[in-house]
């Protein structure tokens, strides 16, 4: 028997650390880790010890003889990665955090944000003694995109919050939820009361299409739709017109596929998840029968991962449709695929898409249509969205040899009443902290924030996660991104490069005056308990509170 990694894999790589025979790859020190869809277990090396199963935070690892039918493809997915990437005997050197010497004061760090990067940073900081952490989030609830971004029908992925719960619940960690940096407390005030401030605020913005008609009612960012159905309080009052039978999503990453899946899912199946109540009621009234997902390049360059595509094909009552001419590879992509120089994940993706193109869809079923080599050039309509004009693209090699999409003269129109753009997240500025507007990140070197005028590190200011590197990777990618930053921070403290902060009591007084409705960890536990109890009464994992006032009331409930 061997163990197999399946769809919920978060790339946390904690399983790598506990494997006694180095059979899980790519490891964080291997170049493939930055771009891999998931982690893989080598069936020829696995000794069936089960250590990885106990360590996996999202229950993605199962014995091969316990695989359900839908997960059978992961046997080949795991095996094929090692055919392309034979492993050697060397164990990579992990990122380590220096210890704070016993003769030094306790290191005090403010972590701004409470999503994956922030929680991993908190875990790293408190893994050594003599460190205290203050965690801040502008919402009364923690966990960032794990709470408000992960699709509700992927509950396994949310299992990583059990690790995060242990981190923010430590005695050496103080939580200050419902506190906004820049409104309730300034950057300079945080820095004057801590040795260091670490920003892990993610990428809350979205990218625009830059086409005429994008501002019409009925044209939205997919990130807003995701936040709406996940119960984010900033978006609970939004409305989305689901009266037309067709929705168009621009972009074909995993977020686009999540949105497509939610739009055509059986609402009664969604009623078993933590989908927000208002979204569930809207989806019950929805007329949507077809979701068209637009990709500007070809099947070999599709941004979605194989696990997400597999999840689509396994939906009951839903066809995934690909036109045969759009499943054809361009000559350059075909030559690269035939050369054997492409990743197994790309070959599998192309094979999956070709298989879908060979199927005959059932016109009575709801459908997700995957389009390739098409880009929107205009959102059509007078007072609201009525359609999208798209152009057919051709792939050509640029000066670096990269295949890019060039528009042709061939255009067509897709009728729809709702357009969702899913072309990427983007970081937004933090008050009084440098910001690179072109890249949408805080400028940094390995996590140390850089003064753009001098090119030197700003003492005591650090970043981790998407605001550090851009919106790339998955949940677990943030673990090693944060570990790198934490290592730099603690090293700077040990080397005497950080200033001594003001007394903690003064900071507690300041917070009490500025943010009297701040929520601590016990307050979050009360919110969590209320949500779980209300969910249990209806057979759901939780019933999310979506209004700040309701969260505050729950936080103070006995």
Protein backbone atom coordinates (compact mmCIF):
# COMPACT_ATOMS: atom_id res chain seq x y z
CA UNK A 1 0.00 0.00 0.00
CA UNK A 2 1.09 3.59 -0.68
CA UNK A 3 -0.39 6.93 0.25
CA UNK A 4 -1.81 9.35 -2.33
CA UNK A 5 -2.27 13.12 -2.21
CA UNK A 6 -5.64 14.31 -3.56
CA UNK A 7 -7.55 17.49 -4.47
CA UNK A 8 -7.63 19.38 -1.13
CA UNK A 9 -3.78 19.62 -1.08
CA UNK A 10 -2.85 23.07 0.19
CA UNK A 11 0.93 22.87 -0.49
CA UNK A 12 1.56 23.57 3.19
CA UNK A 13 4.42 21.03 2.98
CA UNK A 14 4.20 20.16 6.68
CA UNK A 15 3.96 16.58 5.41
CA UNK A 16 7.42 16.99 3.89
CA UNK A 17 8.91 17.71 7.31
CA UNK A 18 7.59 14.51 8.90
CA UNK A 19 8.28 12.06 6.06
CA UNK A 20 11.17 9.78 7.15
CA UNK A 21 12.10 8.69 3.61
CA UNK A 22 11.79 11.95 1.63
CA UNK A 23 9.06 10.61 -0.64
CA UNK A 24 6.96 13.81 -0.84
CA UNK A 25 7.93 16.37 -3.48
CA UNK A 26 8.50 19.03 -4.60
CA UNK A 27 9.94 20.28 -1.33
CA UNK A 28 10.10 24.04 -0.66
CA UNK A 29 13.80 24.06 -1.61
CA UNK A 30 13.17 22.50 -5.02
CA UNK A 31 12.49 24.87 -7.94
CA UNK A 32 9.20 23.19 -8.89
CA UNK A 33 7.65 24.12 -5.54
CA UNK A 34 6.95 27.70 -6.66
CA UNK A 35 4.71 26.60 -9.53
CA UNK A 36 3.46 23.13 -8.63
CA UNK A 37 -0.28 22.45 -8.61
CA UNK A 38 0.02 20.24 -5.55
CA UNK A 39 2.45 17.95 -3.75
CA UNK A 40 3.05 14.34 -4.76
CA UNK A 41 3.99 11.07 -3.02
CA UNK A 42 6.43 8.75 -4.78
CA UNK A 43 4.77 5.30 -4.74
CA UNK A 44 8.13 3.56 -5.10
CA UNK A 45 9.61 5.27 -2.03
CA UNK A 46 6.61 5.46 0.32
CA UNK A 47 6.98 3.02 3.24
CA UNK A 48 3.36 3.21 4.38
CA UNK A 49 4.23 4.79 7.75
CA UNK A 50 1.26 7.18 7.77
CA UNK A 51 3.18 10.06 9.32
CA UNK A 52 2.03 12.41 6.56
CA UNK A 53 -1.63 11.52 7.12
CA UNK A 54 -1.48 12.68 10.73
CA UNK A 55 0.33 15.87 9.76
CA UNK A 56 -1.82 16.91 6.77
CA UNK A 57 -3.96 19.90 7.84
CA UNK A 58 -6.60 19.43 5.12
CA UNK A 59 -7.06 15.61 5.07
CA UNK A 60 -5.77 15.37 1.49
CA UNK A 61 -3.68 12.21 1.99
CA UNK A 62 -5.32 8.79 1.84
CA UNK A 63 -4.16 5.17 1.38
CA UNK A 64 -4.40 4.01 -2.23
CA UNK A 65 -6.78 1.21 -1.25
CA UNK A 66 -9.19 3.74 0.31
CA UNK A 67 -9.51 5.98 -2.75
CA UNK A 68 -13.06 6.61 -3.87
CA UNK A 69 -13.74 6.24 -7.58
CA UNK A 70 -13.61 9.98 -8.26
CA UNK A 71 -10.11 10.16 -6.75
CA UNK A 72 -8.62 7.26 -8.72
CA UNK A 73 -6.91 9.65 -11.21
CA UNK A 74 -4.65 10.86 -8.39
CA UNK A 75 -2.79 7.52 -8.45
CA UNK A 76 -1.53 8.38 -11.93
CA UNK A 77 -1.05 12.06 -11.09
CA UNK A 78 1.25 11.20 -8.17
CA UNK A 79 3.17 8.54 -10.10
CA UNK A 80 3.63 10.59 -13.28
CA UNK A 81 5.23 13.50 -11.45
CA UNK A 82 8.09 11.26 -10.34
CA UNK A 83 8.53 9.86 -13.83
CA UNK A 84 9.26 13.42 -14.96
CA UNK A 85 11.21 14.37 -11.80
CA UNK A 86 13.30 11.45 -10.50
CA UNK A 87 14.33 12.23 -6.94
CA UNK A 88 17.77 12.03 -5.42
CA UNK A 89 18.83 11.06 -1.89
CA UNK A 90 19.55 14.57 -0.58
CA UNK A 91 17.24 16.05 2.03
CA UNK A 92 16.80 19.84 1.55
CA UNK A 93 17.90 22.29 4.18
CA UNK A 94 14.79 23.80 5.83
CA UNK A 95 14.36 27.49 6.61
CA UNK A 96 15.16 27.91 10.30
CA UNK A 97 14.36 30.68 12.75
CA UNK A 98 17.17 31.87 15.05
CA UNK A 99 16.44 31.63 18.76
CA UNK A 100 16.10 34.78 20.85
CA UNK A 101 18.96 34.72 23.43
CA UNK A 102 17.90 34.41 27.05
CA UNK A 103 19.72 37.60 27.99
CA UNK A 104 17.64 39.68 25.55
CA UNK A 105 14.27 41.28 26.17
CA UNK A 106 11.21 39.50 24.85
CA UNK A 107 10.81 40.21 21.12
CA UNK A 108 7.48 41.96 20.46
CA UNK A 109 6.04 41.80 16.95
CA UNK A 110 2.85 43.24 15.47
CA UNK A 111 1.41 41.06 12.69
CA UNK A 112 -1.12 42.93 10.56
CA UNK A 113 -3.60 40.54 8.95
CA UNK A 114 -4.86 37.14 10.06
CA UNK A 115 -4.98 35.14 6.83
CA UNK A 116 -2.68 32.23 5.92
CA UNK A 117 0.53 34.28 5.63
CA UNK A 118 -0.15 36.06 8.94
CA UNK A 119 -0.99 32.83 10.75
CA UNK A 120 2.06 31.03 9.38
CA UNK A 121 4.21 33.99 10.43
CA UNK A 122 2.69 33.85 13.92
CA UNK A 123 3.38 30.11 14.06
CA UNK A 124 7.00 30.72 13.07
CA UNK A 125 7.55 33.56 15.51
CA UNK A 126 6.08 31.69 18.47
CA UNK A 127 7.92 28.47 17.65
CA UNK A 128 10.78 29.89 19.69
CA UNK A 129 10.55 31.21 23.23
CA UNK A 130 10.79 34.85 24.27
CA UNK A 131 8.57 36.15 21.47
CA UNK A 132 5.20 37.88 21.88
CA UNK A 133 2.89 38.64 18.97
CA UNK A 134 0.00 41.05 18.55
CA UNK A 135 -2.27 40.02 15.63
CA UNK A 136 -4.49 42.68 14.04
CA UNK A 137 -7.35 42.33 11.58
CA UNK A 138 -9.90 44.94 10.53
CA UNK A 139 -12.68 42.32 10.63
CA UNK A 140 -14.00 40.70 13.84
CA UNK A 141 -13.14 37.28 12.35
CA UNK A 142 -9.74 35.82 11.43
CA UNK A 143 -8.30 33.63 8.61
CA UNK A 144 -8.67 35.97 5.63
CA UNK A 145 -9.26 34.19 2.32
CA UNK A 146 -9.58 30.80 4.00
CA UNK A 147 -12.85 32.11 5.45
CA UNK A 148 -13.92 34.46 2.66
CA UNK A 149 -12.23 33.00 -0.44
CA UNK A 150 -12.19 29.19 -0.30
CA UNK A 151 -15.25 27.73 -2.02
CA UNK A 152 -17.83 26.45 0.51
CA UNK A 153 -18.06 23.10 -1.30
CA UNK A 154 -14.33 22.52 -0.62
CA UNK A 155 -14.55 22.09 3.17
CA UNK A 156 -11.39 19.97 3.33
CA UNK A 157 -9.30 22.94 2.23
CA UNK A 158 -10.58 24.92 5.21
CA UNK A 159 -9.17 22.31 7.59
CA UNK A 160 -5.93 24.30 7.71
CA UNK A 161 -7.71 26.68 10.11
CA UNK A 162 -7.19 24.12 12.87
CA UNK A 163 -3.47 24.85 12.63
CA UNK A 164 -4.17 28.57 12.56
CA UNK A 165 -6.46 28.30 15.57
CA UNK A 166 -3.61 26.78 17.57
CA UNK A 167 -1.32 29.64 16.51
CA UNK A 168 -3.54 32.63 17.32
CA UNK A 169 -4.79 30.96 20.50
CA UNK A 170 -1.36 30.74 22.16
CA UNK A 171 -0.76 32.57 25.43
CA UNK A 172 2.09 34.48 23.79
CA UNK A 173 -0.32 35.85 21.14
CA UNK A 174 -2.81 38.67 21.66
CA UNK A 175 -5.55 39.08 19.05
CA UNK A 176 -6.97 42.49 18.18
CA UNK A 177 -9.78 41.85 15.69
CA UNK A 178 -12.06 44.64 14.46
CA UNK A 179 -9.05 46.95 14.57
CA UNK A 180 -7.96 48.66 11.35
CA UNK A 181 -4.40 49.88 10.89
CA UNK A 182 -4.58 53.36 9.41
CA UNK A 183 -7.91 54.09 11.10
CA UNK A 184 -7.70 52.94 14.73
CA UNK A 185 -3.93 52.80 15.03
CA UNK A 186 -1.20 54.12 12.75
CA UNK A 187 1.84 52.39 11.32
CA UNK A 188 4.13 54.63 13.35
CA UNK A 189 2.25 53.81 16.56
CA UNK A 190 2.57 50.09 15.89
CA UNK A 191 6.27 50.48 15.20
CA UNK A 192 6.89 52.58 18.30
CA UNK A 193 5.27 49.93 20.55
CA UNK A 194 6.85 46.85 18.94
CA UNK A 195 10.30 45.81 17.85
CA UNK A 196 8.87 45.00 14.41
CA UNK A 197 5.71 45.19 12.33
CA UNK A 198 4.99 42.44 9.81
CA UNK A 199 2.34 43.16 7.17
CA UNK A 200 0.52 40.12 5.81
CA UNK A 201 -2.54 41.86 4.42
CA UNK A 202 -2.93 39.87 1.22
CA UNK A 203 -4.19 41.34 -2.04
CA UNK A 204 -7.71 42.66 -1.57
CA UNK A 205 -8.03 44.47 -4.90
CA UNK A 206 -8.79 43.10 -8.33
CA UNK A 207 -7.53 43.78 -11.84
CA UNK A 208 -9.67 45.50 -14.46
CA UNK A 209 -10.24 44.26 -18.02
CA UNK A 210 -9.70 47.67 -19.56
CA UNK A 211 -12.44 47.25 -22.19
CA UNK A 212 -15.41 49.49 -23.04
CA UNK A 213 -18.59 48.76 -21.11
CA UNK A 214 -16.79 47.22 -18.15
CA UNK A 215 -18.48 49.71 -15.82
CA UNK A 216 -22.03 48.66 -16.83
CA UNK A 217 -24.40 47.29 -14.16
CA UNK A 218 -24.08 43.52 -14.29
CA UNK A 219 -20.30 43.62 -14.79
CA UNK A 220 -18.45 42.73 -11.58
CA UNK A 221 -15.18 41.41 -10.23
CA UNK A 222 -15.34 37.68 -9.50
CA UNK A 223 -13.54 38.46 -6.23
CA UNK A 224 -16.64 40.41 -5.12
CA UNK A 225 -18.93 37.53 -6.07
CA UNK A 226 -16.73 35.11 -4.11
CA UNK A 227 -16.75 37.38 -1.07
CA UNK A 228 -20.55 37.72 -1.40
CA UNK A 229 -21.31 34.02 -1.39
CA UNK A 230 -18.77 33.43 1.38
CA UNK A 231 -20.44 35.97 3.68
CA UNK A 232 -17.76 38.69 3.82
CA UNK A 233 -19.45 41.61 5.66
CA UNK A 234 -18.21 44.17 3.12
CA UNK A 235 -20.16 42.39 0.38
CA UNK A 236 -23.20 40.93 2.16
CA UNK A 237 -25.49 43.64 0.75
CA UNK A 238 -24.33 43.26 -2.85
CA UNK A 239 -26.77 41.96 -5.47
CA UNK A 240 -25.95 39.97 -8.59
CA UNK A 241 -28.45 39.54 -11.41
CA UNK A 242 -28.95 35.80 -11.85
CA UNK A 243 -32.06 36.16 -14.00
CA UNK A 244 -30.42 35.32 -17.34
CA UNK A 245 -29.63 31.75 -18.32
CA UNK A 246 -26.00 32.46 -19.19
CA UNK A 247 -23.11 33.95 -17.20
CA UNK A 248 -19.72 34.82 -18.72
CA UNK A 249 -16.55 34.62 -16.63
CA UNK A 250 -13.42 36.27 -18.05
CA UNK A 251 -10.30 34.38 -17.01
CA UNK A 252 -9.82 30.68 -16.35
CA UNK A 253 -7.91 30.33 -13.11
CA UNK A 254 -9.09 28.31 -10.12
CA UNK A 255 -11.22 31.18 -8.83
CA UNK A 256 -13.08 31.27 -12.16
CA UNK A 257 -13.78 27.54 -11.93
CA UNK A 258 -14.92 27.89 -8.31
CA UNK A 259 -17.40 30.57 -9.34
CA UNK A 260 -18.62 28.53 -12.32
CA UNK A 261 -19.13 25.49 -10.11
CA UNK A 262 -21.11 27.45 -7.52
CA UNK A 263 -23.33 29.02 -10.17
CA UNK A 264 -24.50 25.67 -11.59
CA UNK A 265 -24.44 23.57 -8.41
CA UNK A 266 -27.61 22.12 -6.98
CA UNK A 267 -28.64 24.65 -4.28
CA UNK A 268 -29.73 21.82 -2.02
CA UNK A 269 -26.19 20.47 -2.08
CA UNK A 270 -24.85 23.94 -1.30
CA UNK A 271 -27.31 24.08 1.60
CA UNK A 272 -25.10 21.50 3.33
CA UNK A 273 -22.11 23.89 3.29
CA UNK A 274 -21.29 27.18 5.01
CA UNK A 275 -22.40 29.22 1.98
CA UNK A 276 -23.90 32.51 3.18
CA UNK A 277 -27.68 32.43 3.65
CA UNK A 278 -28.32 35.37 1.32
CA UNK A 279 -26.31 33.68 -1.45
CA UNK A 280 -28.11 30.39 -0.96
CA UNK A 281 -31.50 32.06 -1.34
CA UNK A 282 -30.35 33.94 -4.46
CA UNK A 283 -29.00 30.74 -6.02
CA UNK A 284 -32.28 28.96 -5.31
CA UNK A 285 -34.02 31.63 -7.40
CA UNK A 286 -31.33 31.65 -10.09
CA UNK A 287 -32.13 31.05 -13.76
CA UNK A 288 -28.51 30.31 -14.68
CA UNK A 289 -28.15 27.19 -16.82
CA UNK A 290 -24.82 27.87 -18.54
CA UNK A 291 -21.53 29.44 -17.50
CA UNK A 292 -19.02 30.33 -20.22
CA UNK A 293 -15.39 30.59 -19.03
CA UNK A 294 -13.10 32.58 -21.34
CA UNK A 295 -9.38 31.87 -21.61
CA UNK A 296 -7.21 34.11 -23.80
CA UNK A 297 -4.66 31.37 -24.51
CA UNK A 298 -4.93 27.68 -25.36
CA UNK A 299 -5.53 24.48 -23.37
CA UNK A 300 -1.83 24.02 -22.60
CA UNK A 301 -1.68 27.47 -21.00
CA UNK A 302 -4.96 27.29 -19.04
CA UNK A 303 -4.51 28.81 -15.59
CA UNK A 304 -6.70 26.34 -13.70
CA UNK A 305 -5.18 23.25 -12.07
CA UNK A 306 -5.99 19.65 -12.81
CA UNK A 307 -7.68 19.02 -9.43
CA UNK A 308 -10.06 21.92 -10.05
CA UNK A 309 -10.88 20.66 -13.54
CA UNK A 310 -11.45 17.15 -12.18
CA UNK A 311 -13.86 18.60 -9.62
CA UNK A 312 -15.89 20.15 -12.44
CA UNK A 313 -16.14 16.91 -14.37
CA UNK A 314 -17.44 15.08 -11.31
CA UNK A 315 -20.44 17.36 -10.72
CA UNK A 316 -23.81 15.64 -10.81
CA UNK A 317 -26.20 16.98 -13.45
CA UNK A 318 -23.60 19.26 -15.07
CA UNK A 319 -21.76 18.89 -18.39
CA UNK A 320 -18.35 20.44 -18.99
CA UNK A 321 -18.27 21.41 -22.65
CA UNK A 322 -15.30 22.16 -24.91
CA UNK A 323 -15.61 22.75 -28.65
CA UNK A 324 -13.32 20.43 -30.61
CA UNK A 325 -11.68 23.25 -32.61
CA UNK A 326 -10.74 25.09 -29.39
CA UNK A 327 -9.28 21.93 -27.86
CA UNK A 328 -6.77 21.73 -30.72
CA UNK A 329 -3.28 22.82 -29.75
CA UNK A 330 -1.41 25.43 -31.72
CA UNK A 331 1.74 24.11 -33.49
CA UNK A 332 4.17 25.55 -30.94
CA UNK A 333 2.31 24.07 -27.96
CA UNK A 334 1.95 20.72 -29.73
CA UNK A 335 5.67 20.63 -30.55
CA UNK A 336 6.57 21.40 -26.94
CA UNK A 337 4.18 18.75 -25.66
CA UNK A 338 5.55 16.15 -28.09
CA UNK A 339 9.13 16.98 -27.08
CA UNK A 340 8.53 15.68 -23.55
CA UNK A 341 9.82 18.92 -22.01
CA UNK A 342 6.46 19.88 -20.48
CA UNK A 343 5.31 19.15 -16.94
CA UNK A 344 3.07 16.09 -16.44
CA UNK A 345 0.39 18.45 -15.13
CA UNK A 346 0.28 20.25 -18.50
CA UNK A 347 0.03 16.98 -20.43
CA UNK A 348 -2.76 15.80 -18.13
CA UNK A 349 -4.61 19.10 -18.51
CA UNK A 350 -4.45 18.90 -22.31
CA UNK A 351 -5.62 15.28 -22.21
CA UNK A 352 -8.53 16.16 -19.92
CA UNK A 353 -9.63 18.98 -22.20
CA UNK A 354 -9.35 16.77 -25.30
CA UNK A 355 -11.47 14.16 -23.54
CA UNK A 356 -14.13 16.75 -22.75
CA UNK A 357 -14.18 17.89 -26.38
CA UNK A 358 -14.89 14.32 -27.48
CA UNK A 359 -18.01 14.06 -25.31
CA UNK A 360 -21.54 14.72 -26.50
CA UNK A 361 -23.24 17.05 -24.00
CA UNK A 362 -26.79 16.46 -22.82
CA UNK A 363 -28.89 19.54 -23.69
CA UNK A 364 -31.12 18.94 -20.67
CA UNK A 365 -28.26 19.41 -18.20
CA UNK A 366 -26.71 22.57 -16.89
CA UNK A 367 -23.31 23.24 -18.40
CA UNK A 368 -19.94 24.90 -17.96
CA UNK A 369 -18.41 25.84 -21.32
CA UNK A 370 -14.63 26.22 -21.39
CA UNK A 371 -13.55 28.53 -24.21
CA UNK A 372 -9.95 28.97 -25.31
CA UNK A 373 -8.09 31.52 -27.44
CA UNK A 374 -10.76 34.20 -26.95
CA UNK A 375 -10.59 37.59 -25.22
CA UNK A 376 -13.30 40.17 -24.45
CA UNK A 377 -13.04 43.41 -26.41
CA UNK A 378 -16.28 45.05 -25.23
CA UNK A 379 -19.05 44.53 -22.70
CA UNK A 380 -22.28 45.30 -24.52
CA UNK A 381 -25.45 46.98 -23.28
CA UNK A 382 -27.18 50.31 -22.69
CA UNK A 383 -28.39 50.39 -19.09
CA UNK A 384 -26.92 47.02 -18.13
CA UNK A 385 -24.95 44.08 -19.47
CA UNK A 386 -26.52 42.43 -22.50
CA UNK A 387 -23.54 40.59 -23.97
CA UNK A 388 -19.80 40.38 -24.51
CA UNK A 389 -18.00 40.85 -27.81
CA UNK A 390 -14.97 38.54 -27.98
CA UNK A 391 -12.09 38.22 -30.41
CA UNK A 392 -10.40 35.04 -31.56
CA UNK A 393 -6.72 34.91 -30.66
CA UNK A 394 -3.67 33.21 -32.11
CA UNK A 395 -0.62 32.22 -30.07
CA UNK A 396 2.70 33.66 -31.21
CA UNK A 397 6.14 33.58 -29.61
CA UNK A 398 7.49 36.85 -28.22
CA UNK A 399 11.16 37.82 -28.03
CA UNK A 400 11.72 35.53 -25.03
CA UNK A 401 10.03 32.56 -26.71
CA UNK A 402 6.94 32.82 -24.50
CA UNK A 403 3.64 32.18 -26.27
CA UNK A 404 1.37 35.21 -26.09
CA UNK A 405 -2.14 35.81 -27.39
CA UNK A 406 -2.54 38.10 -30.39
CA UNK A 407 -6.04 39.10 -31.55
CA UNK A 408 -7.24 38.26 -35.03
CA UNK A 409 -9.97 39.97 -37.11
CA UNK A 410 -12.54 37.32 -36.10
CA UNK A 411 -15.07 38.48 -33.50
CA UNK A 412 -18.34 37.13 -32.13
CA UNK A 413 -20.91 38.01 -29.49
CA UNK A 414 -22.00 36.04 -26.44
CA UNK A 415 -25.36 37.05 -25.00
CA UNK A 416 -25.43 37.33 -21.20
CA UNK A 417 -26.80 39.44 -18.39
CA UNK A 418 -23.86 38.95 -16.00
CA UNK A 419 -20.11 39.25 -16.58
CA UNK A 420 -17.59 38.37 -13.88
CA UNK A 421 -13.95 39.25 -14.44
CA UNK A 422 -11.50 36.84 -12.85
CA UNK A 423 -8.15 38.12 -14.05
CA UNK A 424 -6.28 38.30 -10.77
CA UNK A 425 -6.06 39.80 -7.30
CA UNK A 426 -4.03 42.94 -6.67
CA UNK A 427 -2.49 44.37 -3.51
CA UNK A 428 -3.61 47.75 -2.19
CA UNK A 429 -1.50 50.35 -0.33
CA UNK A 430 -1.10 50.34 3.44
CA UNK A 431 -1.11 53.86 4.95
CA UNK A 432 2.40 55.21 5.62
CA UNK A 433 4.12 52.12 4.15
CA UNK A 434 5.94 52.17 0.77
CA UNK A 435 3.99 50.66 -2.13
CA UNK A 436 4.92 49.55 -5.63
CA UNK A 437 1.87 50.56 -7.65
CA UNK A 438 3.07 48.83 -10.82
CA UNK A 439 3.35 45.42 -9.16
CA UNK A 440 0.71 45.88 -6.48
CA UNK A 441 3.07 44.88 -3.64
CA UNK A 442 5.03 46.46 -0.81
CA UNK A 443 8.64 46.69 -2.10
CA UNK A 444 10.88 44.28 -0.22
CA UNK A 445 13.92 42.05 -0.31
CA UNK A 446 13.19 38.58 1.08
CA UNK A 447 10.54 40.11 3.36
CA UNK A 448 12.43 43.20 4.54
CA UNK A 449 10.52 46.30 3.39
CA UNK A 450 12.67 48.61 1.25
CA UNK A 451 12.69 52.40 1.27
CA UNK A 452 12.24 53.23 -2.43
CA UNK A 453 14.22 56.45 -2.07
CA UNK A 454 17.34 54.93 -0.52
CA UNK A 455 17.01 51.30 -1.59
CA UNK A 456 17.74 50.26 1.99
CA UNK A 457 15.63 48.20 4.40
CA UNK A 458 13.30 50.14 6.68
CA UNK A 459 14.24 49.03 10.22
CA UNK A 460 11.55 46.91 11.81
CA UNK A 461 9.14 46.70 8.83
CA UNK A 462 8.47 43.36 7.10
CA UNK A 463 6.00 41.68 4.74
CA UNK A 464 4.78 38.17 3.99
CA UNK A 465 2.28 36.56 1.64
CA UNK A 466 0.66 38.12 -1.43
CA UNK A 467 1.50 41.70 -0.42
CA UNK A 468 5.14 40.53 -0.45
CA UNK A 469 5.34 38.46 -3.64
CA UNK A 470 2.10 39.11 -5.54
CA UNK A 471 -0.98 36.85 -5.81
CA UNK A 472 0.76 33.58 -6.60
CA UNK A 473 0.63 30.11 -5.08
CA UNK A 474 -1.92 28.51 -2.82
CA UNK A 475 -2.58 28.50 0.92
CA UNK A 476 0.45 26.45 1.89
CA UNK A 477 2.84 28.46 -0.28
CA UNK A 478 2.55 31.16 2.37
CA UNK A 479 4.12 28.91 4.99
CA UNK A 480 7.59 29.10 3.48
CA UNK A 481 7.14 32.67 2.31
CA UNK A 482 6.40 33.61 5.93
CA UNK A 483 9.21 31.45 7.28
CA UNK A 484 11.71 33.38 5.16
CA UNK A 485 10.42 36.70 6.50
CA UNK A 486 10.36 35.51 10.12
CA UNK A 487 13.93 34.29 9.81
CA UNK A 488 15.02 37.73 8.59
CA UNK A 489 13.08 39.51 11.35
CA UNK A 490 14.46 37.45 14.22
CA UNK A 491 17.96 37.62 12.77
CA UNK A 492 17.70 41.44 12.68
CA UNK A 493 16.59 41.48 16.31
CA UNK A 494 19.35 39.16 17.47
CA UNK A 495 21.88 41.30 15.57
CA UNK A 496 20.65 44.47 17.32
CA UNK A 497 19.22 46.14 14.22
CA UNK A 498 15.77 46.84 15.75
CA UNK A 499 14.82 49.66 18.14
CA UNK A 500 13.46 49.15 21.66
CA UNK A 501 9.69 49.70 21.84
CA UNK A 502 7.61 51.67 24.32
CA UNK A 503 5.96 49.93 27.27
CA UNK A 504 3.17 47.47 26.48
CA UNK A 505 0.80 49.07 29.02
CA UNK A 506 0.88 52.31 27.04
CA UNK A 507 -0.13 50.45 23.89
CA UNK A 508 -2.99 48.67 25.63
CA UNK A 509 -4.26 52.04 26.85
CA UNK A 510 -4.03 53.51 23.36
CA UNK A 511 -5.99 50.60 21.86
CA UNK A 512 -8.68 50.79 24.53
CA UNK A 513 -9.22 54.44 23.67
CA UNK A 514 -9.06 54.12 19.89
CA UNK A 515 -10.78 50.76 19.36
CA UNK A 516 -13.18 50.12 22.23
CA UNK A 517 -15.02 47.46 20.17
CA UNK A 518 -11.88 45.42 19.51
CA UNK A 519 -12.40 41.65 19.68
CA UNK A 520 -9.86 39.40 21.36
CA UNK A 521 -9.37 35.67 20.86
CA UNK A 522 -12.08 34.80 23.38
CA UNK A 523 -14.46 37.06 21.46
CA UNK A 524 -13.65 35.22 18.23
CA UNK A 525 -14.23 31.90 20.01
CA UNK A 526 -17.70 33.13 20.96
CA UNK A 527 -18.47 34.12 17.35
CA UNK A 528 -17.17 30.77 16.17
CA UNK A 529 -19.30 28.92 18.70
CA UNK A 530 -22.46 30.81 17.72
CA UNK A 531 -21.88 30.11 14.02
CA UNK A 532 -21.23 26.42 14.62
CA UNK A 533 -24.25 26.04 16.91
CA UNK A 534 -26.56 27.73 14.43
CA UNK A 535 -25.13 25.61 11.63
CA UNK A 536 -25.59 22.39 13.58
CA UNK A 537 -29.27 23.16 13.98
CA UNK A 538 -29.66 23.07 10.18
CA UNK A 539 -27.20 20.29 9.38
CA UNK A 540 -24.43 22.61 8.22
CA UNK A 541 -20.82 23.07 9.43
CA UNK A 542 -21.61 26.66 10.39
CA UNK A 543 -24.07 29.44 9.63
CA UNK A 544 -21.93 32.49 9.04
CA UNK A 545 -22.71 35.82 10.61
CA UNK A 546 -22.33 38.39 7.85
CA UNK A 547 -22.96 41.70 9.64
CA UNK A 548 -20.44 43.39 11.91
CA UNK A 549 -23.07 44.26 14.53
CA UNK A 550 -24.15 40.60 14.74
CA UNK A 551 -20.53 39.51 15.11
CA UNK A 552 -19.94 42.00 17.90
CA UNK A 553 -23.08 40.86 19.70
CA UNK A 554 -21.98 37.21 19.40
CA UNK A 555 -18.49 38.08 20.63
CA UNK A 556 -19.92 39.32 23.91
CA UNK A 557 -22.47 36.56 24.33
CA UNK A 558 -21.97 34.55 27.51
